[in-house]
Protein backbone atom coordinates (compact mmCIF):
# COMPACT_ATOMS: atom_id res chain seq x y z
CA MET A 1 0.00 0.00 0.00
CA THR A 2 1.33 3.44 -0.95
CA GLU A 3 1.25 6.29 1.55
CA THR A 4 -0.61 9.46 0.62
CA LEU A 5 1.13 12.81 1.04
CA SER A 6 -1.03 13.73 4.04
CA GLU A 7 -0.12 10.44 5.72
CA ARG A 8 3.57 11.31 5.30
CA ALA A 9 3.15 14.77 6.89
CA VAL A 10 4.64 15.44 10.31
CA ASP A 11 2.14 16.10 13.12
CA ASN A 12 1.10 19.70 13.90
CA GLU A 13 2.99 19.94 17.20
CA GLY A 14 6.25 18.67 15.71
CA PHE A 15 5.85 21.10 12.85
CA ARG A 16 5.26 24.05 15.23
CA ARG A 17 8.30 23.15 17.35
CA ALA A 18 10.54 22.99 14.28
CA LEU A 19 9.29 26.33 12.92
CA ALA A 20 9.72 28.01 16.32
CA VAL A 21 13.49 28.02 15.89
CA HIS A 22 13.19 30.16 12.75
CA ALA A 23 13.25 33.89 13.51
CA ALA A 24 10.87 35.95 11.40
CA GLY A 25 10.35 39.64 10.88
CA VAL A 26 7.06 41.10 12.08
CA VAL A 27 4.68 43.28 10.06
CA VAL A 28 1.20 44.64 10.54
CA VAL A 29 -0.90 44.64 7.39
CA THR A 30 -3.46 47.46 7.36
CA ALA A 31 -6.27 48.49 5.03
CA GLN A 32 -9.47 50.48 5.01
CA THR A 33 -12.78 49.13 3.76
CA GLY A 34 -15.95 51.20 3.82
CA GLY A 35 -14.22 53.82 5.96
CA VAL A 36 -13.29 51.23 8.61
CA PRO A 37 -9.57 50.57 9.27
CA VAL A 38 -8.57 46.92 9.67
CA GLY A 39 -5.27 45.22 10.34
CA LEU A 40 -3.51 42.06 11.39
CA THR A 41 -0.06 40.94 12.52
CA ALA A 42 1.90 38.68 10.17
CA THR A 43 5.26 36.94 10.47
CA SER A 44 5.01 35.36 7.02
CA PHE A 45 5.92 38.52 5.09
CA SER A 46 8.33 38.05 2.18
CA SER A 47 9.58 39.78 -0.93
CA VAL A 48 8.49 37.94 -4.07
CA SER A 49 9.80 39.81 -7.10
CA LEU A 50 11.86 42.88 -7.90
CA ASN A 51 10.36 43.40 -11.37
CA PRO A 52 7.47 43.87 -10.90
CA PRO A 53 7.85 44.79 -7.21
CA LEU A 54 5.79 42.14 -5.38
CA VAL A 55 5.54 41.16 -1.71
CA SER A 56 3.49 38.48 0.04
CA PHE A 57 2.11 37.32 3.35
CA TYR A 58 -0.21 34.56 4.52
CA VAL A 59 -3.46 34.96 6.44
CA ASP A 60 -5.38 32.19 8.20
CA GLN A 61 -8.62 31.34 6.37
CA SER A 62 -10.48 31.66 9.68
CA SER A 63 -9.25 35.25 10.22
CA THR A 64 -12.06 37.67 11.04
CA THR A 65 -9.99 40.45 9.42
CA TRP A 66 -9.54 38.69 6.08
CA PRO A 67 -13.09 39.34 4.73
CA TRP A 68 -12.49 43.09 5.22
CA LEU A 69 -8.91 43.07 3.96
CA ARG A 70 -9.94 41.09 0.87
CA GLN A 71 -12.31 43.92 -0.18
CA ALA A 72 -9.72 46.69 0.12
CA GLU A 73 -8.45 48.47 -2.99
CA SER A 74 -5.03 48.84 -1.36
CA PHE A 75 -3.21 47.75 1.77
CA ALA A 76 -0.06 48.67 3.64
CA VAL A 77 2.63 46.43 5.04
CA ASN A 78 4.00 48.20 8.13
CA VAL A 79 7.44 46.78 9.02
CA LEU A 80 7.62 46.98 12.81
CA ALA A 81 10.58 48.40 14.71
CA SER A 82 12.15 46.55 17.64
CA ASP A 83 10.27 48.63 20.24
CA GLN A 84 6.83 47.79 18.81
CA ALA A 85 6.13 44.37 20.38
CA ASP A 86 3.02 45.77 22.10
CA LEU A 87 1.69 46.93 18.73
CA ALA A 88 2.31 43.49 17.21
CA SER A 89 0.46 41.86 20.12
CA ARG A 90 -2.44 44.31 19.83
CA PHE A 91 -2.97 43.59 16.12
CA ALA A 92 -2.75 39.83 16.81
CA ARG A 93 -5.57 39.96 19.42
CA LYS A 94 -9.24 39.47 18.72
CA GLY A 95 -12.02 41.60 20.16
CA VAL A 96 -10.07 44.87 20.55
CA ASP A 97 -10.16 48.11 18.59
CA ARG A 98 -6.69 47.79 17.13
CA PHE A 99 -6.64 51.40 15.92
CA ALA A 100 -7.70 53.02 19.22
CA GLU A 101 -5.18 54.61 21.59
CA PRO A 102 -2.35 53.86 22.15
CA THR A 103 -2.04 52.95 18.44
CA ARG A 104 -0.71 55.92 16.48
CA TRP A 105 -1.54 56.06 12.78
CA GLY A 106 -2.62 58.29 9.95
CA PRO A 107 -4.08 57.94 6.47
CA GLY A 108 -1.72 57.25 3.59
CA PRO A 109 -2.35 57.13 -0.16
CA GLY A 110 -5.98 56.25 -0.87
CA GLY A 111 -6.72 56.41 2.87
CA VAL A 112 -4.77 53.25 3.69
CA PRO A 113 -3.81 53.36 7.41
CA LEU A 114 -0.08 53.86 8.00
CA LEU A 115 1.22 53.09 11.48
CA SER A 116 3.54 55.61 13.15
CA GLY A 117 7.04 54.76 14.31
CA VAL A 118 7.49 51.74 12.05
CA SER A 119 10.77 51.01 10.29
CA ALA A 120 9.12 51.15 6.88
CA HIS A 121 5.83 50.82 5.10
CA LEU A 122 4.96 49.47 1.69
CA VAL A 123 1.66 50.50 0.10
CA CYS A 124 0.33 47.76 -2.15
CA ALA A 125 -2.41 47.03 -4.66
CA PRO A 126 -3.85 43.52 -4.46
CA HIS A 127 -2.20 41.31 -7.11
CA THR A 128 -2.96 37.63 -6.42
CA THR A 129 -4.54 35.46 -3.75
CA VAL A 130 -4.25 31.67 -3.57
CA GLU A 131 -5.74 29.25 -1.03
CA ILE A 132 -2.95 27.04 0.28
CA GLY A 133 -3.74 24.59 3.07
CA ASP A 134 -5.49 26.41 5.91
CA HIS A 135 -4.11 29.80 4.82
CA ILE A 136 -4.45 32.28 1.97
CA LEU A 137 -1.35 33.56 0.18
CA VAL A 138 -1.78 37.28 -0.50
CA VAL A 139 0.52 38.91 -3.05
CA GLY A 140 0.62 42.68 -3.44
CA LEU A 141 2.10 44.97 -6.07
CA VAL A 142 4.12 47.64 -4.25
CA THR A 143 2.93 51.08 -5.37
CA GLY A 144 4.70 53.19 -2.74
CA THR A 145 7.25 52.95 0.05
CA GLY A 146 8.43 54.96 3.00
CA ILE A 147 11.23 54.47 5.48
CA ASP A 148 10.36 56.07 8.80
CA THR A 149 13.26 54.97 10.99
CA ALA A 150 16.54 53.23 10.41
CA GLY A 151 16.11 51.27 13.64
CA ARG A 152 16.36 47.58 14.29
CA PRO A 153 13.55 45.19 13.32
CA LEU A 154 11.09 43.41 15.58
CA LEU A 155 11.53 39.64 15.35
CA TYR A 156 9.34 36.68 16.31
CA HIS A 157 11.20 33.64 17.65
CA GLN A 158 10.11 30.68 19.80
CA GLY A 159 6.68 32.22 20.40
CA ARG A 160 8.01 35.58 21.60
CA PHE A 161 8.82 38.98 20.15
CA GLY A 162 12.42 40.13 20.42
CA ARG A 163 15.13 42.34 19.01
CA PHE A 164 18.01 41.77 16.67
CA THR A 165 21.49 42.49 18.01
CA PRO A 166 24.17 42.39 15.31
CA HIS A 167 27.63 40.98 15.91
CA SER A 168 30.39 43.59 16.12
């Protein structure tokens, strides 16, 4: 009898433990739909292509933010700075007004919410979405950028937010 691919897959807990040792950058993806700002924290952000300029992130199919984000004409990827762990946690929580105080933000091109104090932001137009497993791959065409601070990035590692300290 031949094994199916799903039978060959490692169990969820083993998979999580293995991925926990990989440090990832942290972003908050923001958009505005019907005058309502929405956002979520993502650690799956990646550059995809230089020409055309494309970036991607994944969102859980069960996300309550995804239906709103999916309708947006543009979105921003806010690259968090090392001192913004509280902001990352806030945008990862359910049942809170993520844009209320102490969150600082303002409208960017097309009204897309841009968070204050981030290392950089990339304004994007939706390009492609693909359902993959229990997530949705979202690819955006970068239509604008801004670098707010030259600080160090916020990282996610072993279930915690932390800072990068370079070797001398």
